[in-house]
Each structure stands twice: as C-alpha cells, then as structure tokens.
Amino acid sequence: MEITKRTLVLGFTNVLGQNVNLTINDPAEGLEGEVVSNVMDEIIASNALGTESPATSKVEAKYVIQQVDELELA
C-alpha cells in the first residue's frame, strides 16, 4: 500500500542564530506564500516558539511530500 504524507515546514532563526523548524502535518491545500509569511510574522511576534531563545526571523517555508511504499513480508 502506498501512503503519501504532506507537511508544511516553516523555518526560522532564533536569537542565538540557530535554525528552528515548525512542522505542520496535513496543511490546508493551496496556501499562498503571502498568507504563510504573515502567519510566520505572527508566530515571531507572539514568541510561540519559546521565550528563552525566541524566533527572530523567517528563513523559509516549504512543503515536504513523502511517499512510503510498504512491502509485503512473506
């Protein structure tokens, strides 16, 4: 059986200069870049990714599509 999994990965940097990713499983279809960018701005403004080393800037947003083909074992 073939399984396809789609995620949306939002990439940020934090105050320490480290990359931080937020992965969203089964994101809505057809999201526009501007909408995603605005949401990322809200995440940064709210310190939703932590107060110790909060996200300070956006790096990237991307869909990741994974296909899994299961093998039947005898």
PDB file of N, CA and C in Angstrom:
ATOM      1  N   MET A   1       0.841  -1.175   0.000  1.00  0.00           N
ATOM      2  CA  MET A   1       0.000   0.000   0.000  1.00  0.00           C
ATOM      3  C   MET A   1       0.890   1.242   0.000  1.00  0.00           C
ATOM      4  N   GLU A   2       0.534   2.189  -0.838  1.00  0.00           N
ATOM      5  CA  GLU A   2       1.288   3.436  -0.945  1.00  0.00           C
ATOM      6  C   GLU A   2       0.636   4.495  -0.051  1.00  0.00           C
ATOM      7  N   ILE A   3       1.466   5.173   0.724  1.00  0.00           N
ATOM      8  CA  ILE A   3       0.995   6.242   1.604  1.00  0.00           C
ATOM      9  C   ILE A   3       1.758   7.506   1.243  1.00  0.00           C
ATOM     10  N   THR A   4       1.037   8.608   1.060  1.00  0.00           N
ATOM     11  CA  THR A   4       1.672   9.888   0.783  1.00  0.00           C
ATOM     12  C   THR A   4       1.386  10.817   1.954  1.00  0.00           C
ATOM     13  N   LYS A   5       2.439  11.388   2.494  1.00  0.00           N
ATOM     14  CA  LYS A   5       2.320  12.293   3.641  1.00  0.00           C
ATOM     15  C   LYS A   5       2.819  13.666   3.208  1.00  0.00           C
ATOM     16  N   ARG A   6       2.048  14.699   3.516  1.00  0.00           N
ATOM     17  CA  ARG A   6       2.400  16.064   3.136  1.00  0.00           C
ATOM     18  C   ARG A   6       2.507  16.911   4.400  1.00  0.00           C
ATOM     19  N   THR A   7       3.603  17.633   4.522  1.00  0.00           N
ATOM     20  CA  THR A   7       3.789  18.531   5.660  1.00  0.00           C
ATOM     21  C   THR A   7       4.238  19.896   5.155  1.00  0.00           C
ATOM     22  N   LEU A   8       3.998  20.906   5.979  1.00  0.00           N
ATOM     23  CA  LEU A   8       4.481  22.252   5.711  1.00  0.00           C
ATOM     24  C   LEU A   8       5.525  22.555   6.769  1.00  0.00           C
ATOM     25  N   VAL A   9       6.729  22.891   6.339  1.00  0.00           N
ATOM     26  CA  VAL A   9       7.825  23.175   7.263  1.00  0.00           C
ATOM     27  C   VAL A   9       8.117  24.677   7.210  1.00  0.00           C
ATOM     28  N   LEU A  10       8.012  25.314   8.371  1.00  0.00           N
ATOM     29  CA  LEU A  10       8.310  26.739   8.498  1.00  0.00           C
ATOM     30  C   LEU A  10       9.655  26.868   9.196  1.00  0.00           C
ATOM     31  N   GLY A  11      10.592  27.549   8.557  1.00  0.00           N
ATOM     32  CA  GLY A  11      11.939  27.693   9.100  1.00  0.00           C
ATOM     33  C   GLY A  11      12.190  29.094   9.630  1.00  0.00           C
ATOM     34  N   PHE A  12      12.748  29.155  10.823  1.00  0.00           N
ATOM     35  CA  PHE A  12      13.053  30.421  11.496  1.00  0.00           C
ATOM     36  C   PHE A  12      14.493  30.382  11.997  1.00  0.00           C
ATOM     37  N   THR A  13      15.041  31.536  12.354  1.00  0.00           N
ATOM     38  CA  THR A  13      16.255  31.591  13.160  1.00  0.00           C
ATOM     39  C   THR A  13      15.874  32.221  14.489  1.00  0.00           C
ATOM     40  N   ASN A  14      16.605  31.824  15.549  1.00  0.00           N
ATOM     41  CA  ASN A  14      16.313  32.377  16.865  1.00  0.00           C
ATOM     42  C   ASN A  14      17.389  33.374  17.270  1.00  0.00           C
ATOM     43  N   VAL A  15      17.273  33.918  18.478  1.00  0.00           N
ATOM     44  CA  VAL A  15      18.210  34.954  18.935  1.00  0.00           C
ATOM     45  C   VAL A  15      19.637  34.441  19.036  1.00  0.00           C
ATOM     46  N   LEU A  16      19.817  33.122  19.105  1.00  0.00           N
ATOM     47  CA  LEU A  16      21.155  32.522  19.172  1.00  0.00           C
ATOM     48  C   LEU A  16      21.717  32.238  17.784  1.00  0.00           C
ATOM     49  N   GLY A  17      20.948  32.560  16.738  1.00  0.00           N
ATOM     50  CA  GLY A  17      21.386  32.293  15.371  1.00  0.00           C
ATOM     51  C   GLY A  17      21.164  30.858  14.930  1.00  0.00           C
ATOM     52  N   GLN A  18      20.418  30.096  15.703  1.00  0.00           N
ATOM     53  CA  GLN A  18      20.139  28.697  15.369  1.00  0.00           C
ATOM     54  C   GLN A  18      18.876  28.598  14.532  1.00  0.00           C
ATOM     55  N   ASN A  19      18.830  27.580  13.689  1.00  0.00           N
ATOM     56  CA  ASN A  19      17.630  27.331  12.896  1.00  0.00           C
ATOM     57  C   ASN A  19      16.617  26.567  13.728  1.00  0.00           C
ATOM     58  N   VAL A  20      15.358  26.972  13.619  1.00  0.00           N
ATOM     59  CA  VAL A  20      14.262  26.313  14.317  1.00  0.00           C
ATOM     60  C   VAL A  20      13.184  26.034  13.282  1.00  0.00           C
ATOM     61  N   ASN A  21      12.709  24.791  13.226  1.00  0.00           N
ATOM     62  CA  ASN A  21      11.663  24.420  12.274  1.00  0.00           C
ATOM     63  C   ASN A  21      10.377  24.098  13.003  1.00  0.00           C
ATOM     64  N   LEU A  22       9.283  24.515  12.413  1.00  0.00           N
ATOM     65  CA  LEU A  22       7.951  24.169  12.886  1.00  0.00           C
ATOM     66  C   LEU A  22       7.315  23.365  11.764  1.00  0.00           C
ATOM     67  N   THR A  23       6.919  22.128  12.055  1.00  0.00           N
ATOM     68  CA  THR A  23       6.343  21.244  11.050  1.00  0.00           C
ATOM     69  C   THR A  23       4.851  21.096  11.294  1.00  0.00           C
ATOM     70  N   ILE A  24       4.079  21.325  10.251  1.00  0.00           N
ATOM     71  CA  ILE A  24       2.626  21.221  10.327  1.00  0.00           C
ATOM     72  C   ILE A  24       2.192  20.037   9.469  1.00  0.00           C
ATOM     73  N   ASN A  25       1.577  19.044  10.097  1.00  0.00           N
ATOM     74  CA  ASN A  25       1.083  17.869   9.383  1.00  0.00           C
ATOM     75  C   ASN A  25      -0.240  18.178   8.705  1.00  0.00           C
ATOM     76  N   ASP A  26      -0.438  17.630   7.522  1.00  0.00           N
ATOM     77  CA  ASP A  26      -1.665  17.785   6.750  1.00  0.00           C
ATOM     78  C   ASP A  26      -2.116  19.245   6.642  1.00  0.00           C
ATOM     79  N   PRO A  27      -1.270  20.114   6.095  1.00  0.00           N
ATOM     80  CA  PRO A  27      -1.653  21.521   5.963  1.00  0.00           C
ATOM     81  C   PRO A  27      -2.773  21.695   4.934  1.00  0.00           C
ATOM     82  N   ALA A  28      -3.456  22.819   5.022  1.00  0.00           N
ATOM     83  CA  ALA A  28      -4.504  23.131   4.048  1.00  0.00           C
ATOM     84  C   ALA A  28      -3.900  23.207   2.650  1.00  0.00           C
ATOM     85  N   GLU A  29      -4.706  22.871   1.671  1.00  0.00           N
ATOM     86  CA  GLU A  29      -4.274  22.934   0.275  1.00  0.00           C
ATOM     87  C   GLU A  29      -4.274  24.381  -0.217  1.00  0.00           C
ATOM     88  N   GLY A  30      -3.376  24.695  -1.132  1.00  0.00           N
ATOM     89  CA  GLY A  30      -3.396  25.965  -1.842  1.00  0.00           C
ATOM     90  C   GLY A  30      -3.030  27.194  -1.027  1.00  0.00           C
ATOM     91  N   LEU A  31      -2.230  27.044   0.001  1.00  0.00           N
ATOM     92  CA  LEU A  31      -1.824  28.211   0.785  1.00  0.00           C
ATOM     93  C   LEU A  31      -0.921  29.110  -0.046  1.00  0.00           C
ATOM     94  N   GLU A  32      -1.182  30.397  -0.016  1.00  0.00           N
ATOM     95  CA  GLU A  32      -0.375  31.380  -0.736  1.00  0.00           C
ATOM     96  C   GLU A  32       0.836  31.773   0.108  1.00  0.00           C
ATOM     97  N   GLY A  33       1.934  32.101  -0.529  1.00  0.00           N
ATOM     98  CA  GLY A  33       3.147  32.495   0.160  1.00  0.00           C
ATOM     99  C   GLY A  33       2.942  33.679   1.090  1.00  0.00           C
ATOM    100  N   GLU A  34       2.134  34.638   0.657  1.00  0.00           N
ATOM    101  CA  GLU A  34       1.878  35.829   1.474  1.00  0.00           C
ATOM    102  C   GLU A  34       1.159  35.470   2.772  1.00  0.00           C
ATOM    103  N   VAL A  35       0.206  34.542   2.689  1.00  0.00           N
ATOM    104  CA  VAL A  35      -0.533  34.097   3.879  1.00  0.00           C
ATOM    105  C   VAL A  35       0.413  33.401   4.852  1.00  0.00           C
ATOM    106  N   VAL A  36       1.241  32.508   4.328  1.00  0.00           N
ATOM    107  CA  VAL A  36       2.197  31.789   5.172  1.00  0.00           C
ATOM    108  C   VAL A  36       3.185  32.764   5.804  1.00  0.00           C
ATOM    109  N   SER A  37       3.656  33.723   5.049  1.00  0.00           N
ATOM    110  CA  SER A  37       4.588  34.722   5.563  1.00  0.00           C
ATOM    111  C   SER A  37       3.963  35.531   6.699  1.00  0.00           C
ATOM    112  N   ASN A  38       2.700  35.920   6.541  1.00  0.00           N
ATOM    113  CA  ASN A  38       2.008  36.667   7.586  1.00  0.00           C
ATOM    114  C   ASN A  38       1.850  35.842   8.859  1.00  0.00           C
ATOM    115  N   VAL A  39       1.536  34.567   8.707  1.00  0.00           N
ATOM    116  CA  VAL A  39       1.417  33.681   9.863  1.00  0.00           C
ATOM    117  C   VAL A  39       2.771  33.538  10.553  1.00  0.00           C
ATOM    118  N   MET A  40       3.832  33.423   9.771  1.00  0.00           N
ATOM    119  CA  MET A  40       5.176  33.321  10.359  1.00  0.00           C
ATOM    120  C   MET A  40       5.515  34.586  11.149  1.00  0.00           C
ATOM    121  N   ASP A  41       5.108  35.757  10.637  1.00  0.00           N
ATOM    122  CA  ASP A  41       5.308  37.011  11.369  1.00  0.00           C
ATOM    123  C   ASP A  41       4.570  36.983  12.710  1.00  0.00           C
ATOM    124  N   GLU A  42       3.347  36.445  12.707  1.00  0.00           N
ATOM    125  CA  GLU A  42       2.570  36.345  13.940  1.00  0.00           C
ATOM    126  C   GLU A  42       3.226  35.391  14.938  1.00  0.00           C
ATOM    127  N   ILE A  43       3.787  34.299  14.436  1.00  0.00           N
ATOM    128  CA  ILE A  43       4.480  33.346  15.308  1.00  0.00           C
ATOM    129  C   ILE A  43       5.676  34.030  15.965  1.00  0.00           C
ATOM    130  N   ILE A  44       6.434  34.781  15.188  1.00  0.00           N
ATOM    131  CA  ILE A  44       7.589  35.503  15.727  1.00  0.00           C
ATOM    132  C   ILE A  44       7.131  36.517  16.781  1.00  0.00           C
ATOM    133  N   ALA A  45       6.103  37.299  16.462  1.00  0.00           N
ATOM    134  CA  ALA A  45       5.625  38.350  17.369  1.00  0.00           C
ATOM    135  C   ALA A  45       5.079  37.787  18.673  1.00  0.00           C
ATOM    136  N   SER A  46       4.520  36.591  18.639  1.00  0.00           N
ATOM    137  CA  SER A  46       3.903  36.004  19.830  1.00  0.00           C
ATOM    138  C   SER A  46       4.871  35.210  20.701  1.00  0.00           C
ATOM    139  N   ASN A  47       6.125  35.043  20.234  1.00  0.00           N
ATOM    140  CA  ASN A  47       7.103  34.199  20.943  1.00  0.00           C
ATOM    141  C   ASN A  47       6.590  32.774  21.125  1.00  0.00           C
ATOM    142  N   ALA A  48       5.801  32.302  20.175  1.00  0.00           N
ATOM    143  CA  ALA A  48       5.198  30.976  20.272  1.00  0.00           C
ATOM    144  C   ALA A  48       6.229  29.845  20.249  1.00  0.00           C
ATOM    145  N   LEU A  49       7.431  30.113  19.764  1.00  0.00           N
ATOM    146  CA  LEU A  49       8.452  29.066  19.703  1.00  0.00           C
ATOM    147  C   LEU A  49       9.394  29.106  20.894  1.00  0.00           C
ATOM    148  N   GLY A  50       9.041  29.850  21.924  1.00  0.00           N
ATOM    149  CA  GLY A  50       9.834  29.851  23.148  1.00  0.00           C
ATOM    150  C   GLY A  50      10.284  31.233  23.560  1.00  0.00           C
ATOM    151  N   THR A  51      10.365  31.445  24.867  1.00  0.00           N
ATOM    152  CA  THR A  51      10.786  32.742  25.381  1.00  0.00           C
ATOM    153  C   THR A  51      12.267  32.782  25.727  1.00  0.00           C
ATOM    154  N   GLU A  52      12.870  31.619  25.958  1.00  0.00           N
ATOM    155  CA  GLU A  52      14.305  31.559  26.277  1.00  0.00           C
ATOM    156  C   GLU A  52      15.156  31.999  25.082  1.00  0.00           C
ATOM    157  N   SER A  53      14.818  31.480  23.909  1.00  0.00           N
ATOM    158  CA  SER A  53      15.528  31.858  22.680  1.00  0.00           C
ATOM    159  C   SER A  53      14.498  31.961  21.553  1.00  0.00           C
ATOM    160  N   PRO A  54      13.697  33.032  21.575  1.00  0.00           N
ATOM    161  CA  PRO A  54      12.601  33.163  20.602  1.00  0.00           C
ATOM    162  C   PRO A  54      13.091  33.327  19.165  1.00  0.00           C
ATOM    163  N   ALA A  55      12.200  32.953  18.251  1.00  0.00           N
ATOM    164  CA  ALA A  55      12.482  33.138  16.829  1.00  0.00           C
ATOM    165  C   ALA A  55      12.519  34.632  16.528  1.00  0.00           C
ATOM    166  N   THR A  56      13.465  35.021  15.682  1.00  0.00           N
ATOM    167  CA  THR A  56      13.614  36.435  15.359  1.00  0.00           C
ATOM    168  C   THR A  56      13.415  36.740  13.877  1.00  0.00           C
ATOM    169  N   SER A  57      13.572  35.732  13.019  1.00  0.00           N
ATOM    170  CA  SER A  57      13.394  35.991  11.589  1.00  0.00           C
ATOM    171  C   SER A  57      12.960  34.731  10.848  1.00  0.00           C
ATOM    172  N   LYS A  58      12.350  34.967   9.679  1.00  0.00           N
ATOM    173  CA  LYS A  58      11.909  33.875   8.812  1.00  0.00           C
ATOM    174  C   LYS A  58      13.065  33.466   7.909  1.00  0.00           C
ATOM    175  N   VAL A  59      13.171  32.177   7.666  1.00  0.00           N
ATOM    176  CA  VAL A  59      14.197  31.666   6.763  1.00  0.00           C
ATOM    177  C   VAL A  59      13.558  31.079   5.508  1.00  0.00           C
ATOM    178  N   GLU A  60      12.574  30.204   5.708  1.00  0.00           N
ATOM    179  CA  GLU A  60      11.952  29.539   4.565  1.00  0.00           C
ATOM    180  C   GLU A  60      10.628  28.911   4.959  1.00  0.00           C
ATOM    181  N   ALA A  61       9.843  28.601   3.958  1.00  0.00           N
ATOM    182  CA  ALA A  61       8.622  27.825   4.123  1.00  0.00           C
ATOM    183  C   ALA A  61       8.575  26.873   2.937  1.00  0.00           C
ATOM    184  N   LYS A  62       8.307  25.611   3.234  1.00  0.00           N
ATOM    185  CA  LYS A  62       8.299  24.644   2.130  1.00  0.00           C
ATOM    186  C   LYS A  62       7.363  23.485   2.448  1.00  0.00           C
ATOM    187  N   TYR A  63       6.799  22.929   1.382  1.00  0.00           N
ATOM    188  CA  TYR A  63       6.038  21.699   1.502  1.00  0.00           C
ATOM    189  C   TYR A  63       7.016  20.545   1.362  1.00  0.00           C
ATOM    190  N   VAL A  64       6.842  19.542   2.203  1.00  0.00           N
ATOM    191  CA  VAL A  64       7.629  18.319   2.099  1.00  0.00           C
ATOM    192  C   VAL A  64       6.637  17.188   1.852  1.00  0.00           C
ATOM    193  N   ILE A  65       6.842  16.478   0.758  1.00  0.00           N
ATOM    194  CA  ILE A  65       5.958  15.380   0.396  1.00  0.00           C
ATOM    195  C   ILE A  65       6.745  14.083   0.460  1.00  0.00           C
ATOM    196  N   GLN A  66       6.238  13.160   1.268  1.00  0.00           N
ATOM    197  CA  GLN A  66       6.909  11.883   1.482  1.00  0.00           C
ATOM    198  C   GLN A  66       6.009  10.765   0.987  1.00  0.00           C
ATOM    199  N   GLN A  67       6.574   9.888   0.189  1.00  0.00           N
ATOM    200  CA  GLN A  67       5.825   8.729  -0.292  1.00  0.00           C
ATOM    201  C   GLN A  67       6.425   7.477   0.325  1.00  0.00           C
ATOM    202  N   VAL A  68       5.562   6.669   0.892  1.00  0.00           N
ATOM    203  CA  VAL A  68       6.015   5.425   1.533  1.00  0.00           C
ATOM    204  C   VAL A  68       5.342   4.260   0.818  1.00  0.00           C
ATOM    205  N   ASP A  69       6.130   3.315   0.342  1.00  0.00           N
ATOM    206  CA  ASP A  69       5.623   2.096  -0.271  1.00  0.00           C
ATOM    207  C   ASP A  69       5.933   0.941   0.665  1.00  0.00           C
ATOM    208  N   GLU A  70       4.880   0.348   1.226  1.00  0.00           N
ATOM    209  CA  GLU A  70       5.078  -0.761   2.142  1.00  0.00           C
ATOM    210  C   GLU A  70       5.336  -2.043   1.354  1.00  0.00           C
ATOM    211  N   LEU A  71       6.189  -2.877   1.904  1.00  0.00           N
ATOM    212  CA  LEU A  71       6.496  -4.169   1.303  1.00  0.00           C
ATOM    213  C   LEU A  71       5.752  -5.248   2.070  1.00  0.00           C
ATOM    214  N   GLU A  72       5.223  -6.190   1.334  1.00  0.00           N
ATOM    215  CA  GLU A  72       4.549  -7.324   1.961  1.00  0.00           C
ATOM    216  C   GLU A  72       5.592  -8.359   2.338  1.00  0.00           C
ATOM    217  N   LEU A  73       5.604  -8.755   3.583  1.00  0.00           N
ATOM    218  CA  LEU A  73       6.559  -9.753   4.043  1.00  0.00           C
ATOM    219  C   LEU A  73       5.927 -11.145   3.945  1.00  0.00           C
ATOM    220  N   ALA A  74       6.733 -12.106   3.525  1.00  0.00           N
ATOM    221  CA  ALA A  74       6.229 -13.472   3.380  1.00  0.00           C
ATOM    222  C   ALA A  74       6.170 -14.178   4.710  1.00  0.00           C
TER     223      ALA A  74
END
